[in-house]
Amino acid sequence: MPVPKRKRSRARRDKRFANKALSVYSVGACGHCSAPIRSHQLCSLCGYYKGVKVVQDKVERTEKRLKNNRSADKPGRA
């Protein structure tokens, strides 16, 4: 197993960790509900991204499911 020939100085050691700083995220407001969100992310509260509804909430999913079930139950033309 390889072993270092000389001790690495503190300056050389610390240079390796100099670029690992945490970055601060920019925070904006949701255009639909004004909740604080990160830029280029969809709003987790209302499900909108750039003014378009992207994610459906539980109530909307159940309403859509009930609507589809009702239309499937009705006898149609075959």
C-alpha atoms as a PDB file:
ATOM      1  CA  MET A   1       0.000   0.000   0.000  1.00  0.00           C
ATOM      2  CA  PRO A   2       1.450   3.423  -0.931  1.00  0.00           C
ATOM      3  CA  VAL A   3       2.601   5.711   1.850  1.00  0.00           C
ATOM      4  CA  PRO A   4       3.234   9.473   1.486  1.00  0.00           C
ATOM      5  CA  LYS A   5       6.912  10.338   1.378  1.00  0.00           C
ATOM      6  CA  ARG A   6       6.543  13.703   3.127  1.00  0.00           C
ATOM      7  CA  LYS A   7       4.037  15.410   5.401  1.00  0.00           C
ATOM      8  CA  ARG A   8       1.564  17.604   3.525  1.00  0.00           C
ATOM      9  CA  SER A   9       1.643  21.194   4.793  1.00  0.00           C
ATOM     10  CA  ARG A  10      -1.421  22.930   6.255  1.00  0.00           C
ATOM     11  CA  ALA A  11      -1.593  25.318   3.300  1.00  0.00           C
ATOM     12  CA  ARG A  12      -1.661  22.491   0.754  1.00  0.00           C
ATOM     13  CA  ARG A  13      -4.206  20.570   2.809  1.00  0.00           C
ATOM     14  CA  ASP A  14      -6.498  23.574   3.239  1.00  0.00           C
ATOM     15  CA  LYS A  15      -6.398  24.500  -0.464  1.00  0.00           C
ATOM     16  CA  ARG A  16      -8.356  21.347  -1.172  1.00  0.00           C
ATOM     17  CA  PHE A  17     -11.270  22.500   0.994  1.00  0.00           C
ATOM     18  CA  ALA A  18     -11.267  26.144  -0.121  1.00  0.00           C
ATOM     19  CA  ASN A  19     -13.829  25.547  -2.901  1.00  0.00           C
ATOM     20  CA  LYS A  20     -16.356  23.572  -0.868  1.00  0.00           C
ATOM     21  CA  ALA A  21     -18.296  26.537   0.493  1.00  0.00           C
ATOM     22  CA  LEU A  22     -22.099  26.443   0.633  1.00  0.00           C
ATOM     23  CA  SER A  23     -23.872  28.593  -1.901  1.00  0.00           C
ATOM     24  CA  VAL A  24     -26.902  30.755  -1.139  1.00  0.00           C
ATOM     25  CA  TYR A  25     -29.971  30.034  -3.250  1.00  0.00           C
ATOM     26  CA  SER A  26     -31.951  32.865  -4.774  1.00  0.00           C
ATOM     27  CA  VAL A  27     -35.515  32.963  -3.482  1.00  0.00           C
ATOM     28  CA  GLY A  28     -38.425  34.483  -5.349  1.00  0.00           C
ATOM     29  CA  ALA A  29     -42.185  34.551  -4.930  1.00  0.00           C
ATOM     30  CA  CYS A  30     -44.691  32.271  -6.631  1.00  0.00           C
ATOM     31  CA  GLY A  31     -46.638  34.158  -9.278  1.00  0.00           C
ATOM     32  CA  HIS A  32     -49.861  32.374  -8.377  1.00  0.00           C
ATOM     33  CA  CYS A  33     -49.937  32.165  -4.569  1.00  0.00           C
ATOM     34  CA  SER A  34     -46.982  34.444  -3.594  1.00  0.00           C
ATOM     35  CA  ALA A  35     -45.312  31.720  -1.529  1.00  0.00           C
ATOM     36  CA  PRO A  36     -41.500  31.879  -1.307  1.00  0.00           C
ATOM     37  CA  ILE A  37     -39.893  29.452  -3.804  1.00  0.00           C
ATOM     38  CA  ARG A  38     -36.439  28.909  -5.302  1.00  0.00           C
ATOM     39  CA  SER A  39     -35.993  30.188  -8.820  1.00  0.00           C
ATOM     40  CA  HIS A  40     -36.696  27.735 -11.665  1.00  0.00           C
ATOM     41  CA  GLN A  41     -38.635  25.413  -9.310  1.00  0.00           C
ATOM     42  CA  LEU A  42     -42.344  24.741  -9.218  1.00  0.00           C
ATOM     43  CA  CYS A  43     -44.379  25.853  -6.209  1.00  0.00           C
ATOM     44  CA  SER A  44     -44.966  22.975  -3.819  1.00  0.00           C
ATOM     45  CA  LEU A  45     -48.075  24.629  -2.364  1.00  0.00           C
ATOM     46  CA  CYS A  46     -50.099  25.328  -5.498  1.00  0.00           C
ATOM     47  CA  GLY A  47     -48.274  23.262  -8.165  1.00  0.00           C
ATOM     48  CA  TYR A  48     -47.758  26.141 -10.633  1.00  0.00           C
ATOM     49  CA  TYR A  49     -44.608  26.844 -12.663  1.00  0.00           C
ATOM     50  CA  LYS A  50     -44.393  30.021 -14.780  1.00  0.00           C
ATOM     51  CA  GLY A  51     -48.157  30.530 -14.525  1.00  0.00           C
ATOM     52  CA  VAL A  52     -49.060  27.021 -15.732  1.00  0.00           C
ATOM     53  CA  LYS A  53     -50.578  24.312 -13.522  1.00  0.00           C
ATOM     54  CA  VAL A  54     -48.070  21.457 -13.646  1.00  0.00           C
ATOM     55  CA  VAL A  55     -48.913  19.262 -10.649  1.00  0.00           C
ATOM     56  CA  GLN A  56     -52.421  18.267  -9.620  1.00  0.00           C
ATOM     57  CA  ASP A  57     -53.371  18.124  -5.964  1.00  0.00           C
ATOM     58  CA  LYS A  58     -55.348  15.306  -4.373  1.00  0.00           C
ATOM     59  CA  VAL A  59     -58.757  16.978  -4.759  1.00  0.00           C
ATOM     60  CA  GLU A  60     -58.253  17.566  -8.490  1.00  0.00           C
ATOM     61  CA  ARG A  61     -57.107  13.961  -9.022  1.00  0.00           C
ATOM     62  CA  THR A  62     -60.187  12.539  -7.279  1.00  0.00           C
ATOM     63  CA  GLU A  63     -62.526  14.847  -9.227  1.00  0.00           C
ATOM     64  CA  LYS A  64     -60.945  13.791 -12.515  1.00  0.00           C
ATOM     65  CA  ARG A  65     -61.149  10.113 -11.536  1.00  0.00           C
ATOM     66  CA  LEU A  66     -64.842  10.420 -10.601  1.00  0.00           C
ATOM     67  CA  LYS A  67     -65.586  12.239 -13.855  1.00  0.00           C
ATOM     68  CA  ASN A  68     -63.891   9.497 -15.893  1.00  0.00           C
ATOM     69  CA  ASN A  69     -65.705   6.763 -13.972  1.00  0.00           C
ATOM     70  CA  ARG A  70     -69.078   8.427 -14.553  1.00  0.00           C
ATOM     71  CA  SER A  71     -68.475   8.758 -18.282  1.00  0.00           C
ATOM     72  CA  ALA A  72     -67.385   5.091 -18.483  1.00  0.00           C
ATOM     73  CA  ASP A  73     -70.559   3.946 -16.670  1.00  0.00           C
ATOM     74  CA  LYS A  74     -72.882   5.653 -19.151  1.00  0.00           C
ATOM     75  CA  PRO A  75     -73.903   3.406 -22.054  1.00  0.00           C
ATOM     76  CA  GLY A  76     -72.537   4.846 -25.267  1.00  0.00           C
ATOM     77  CA  ARG A  77     -72.715   3.970 -28.864  1.00  0.00           C
ATOM     78  CA  ALA A  78     -70.920   0.796 -29.744  1.00  0.00           C
END
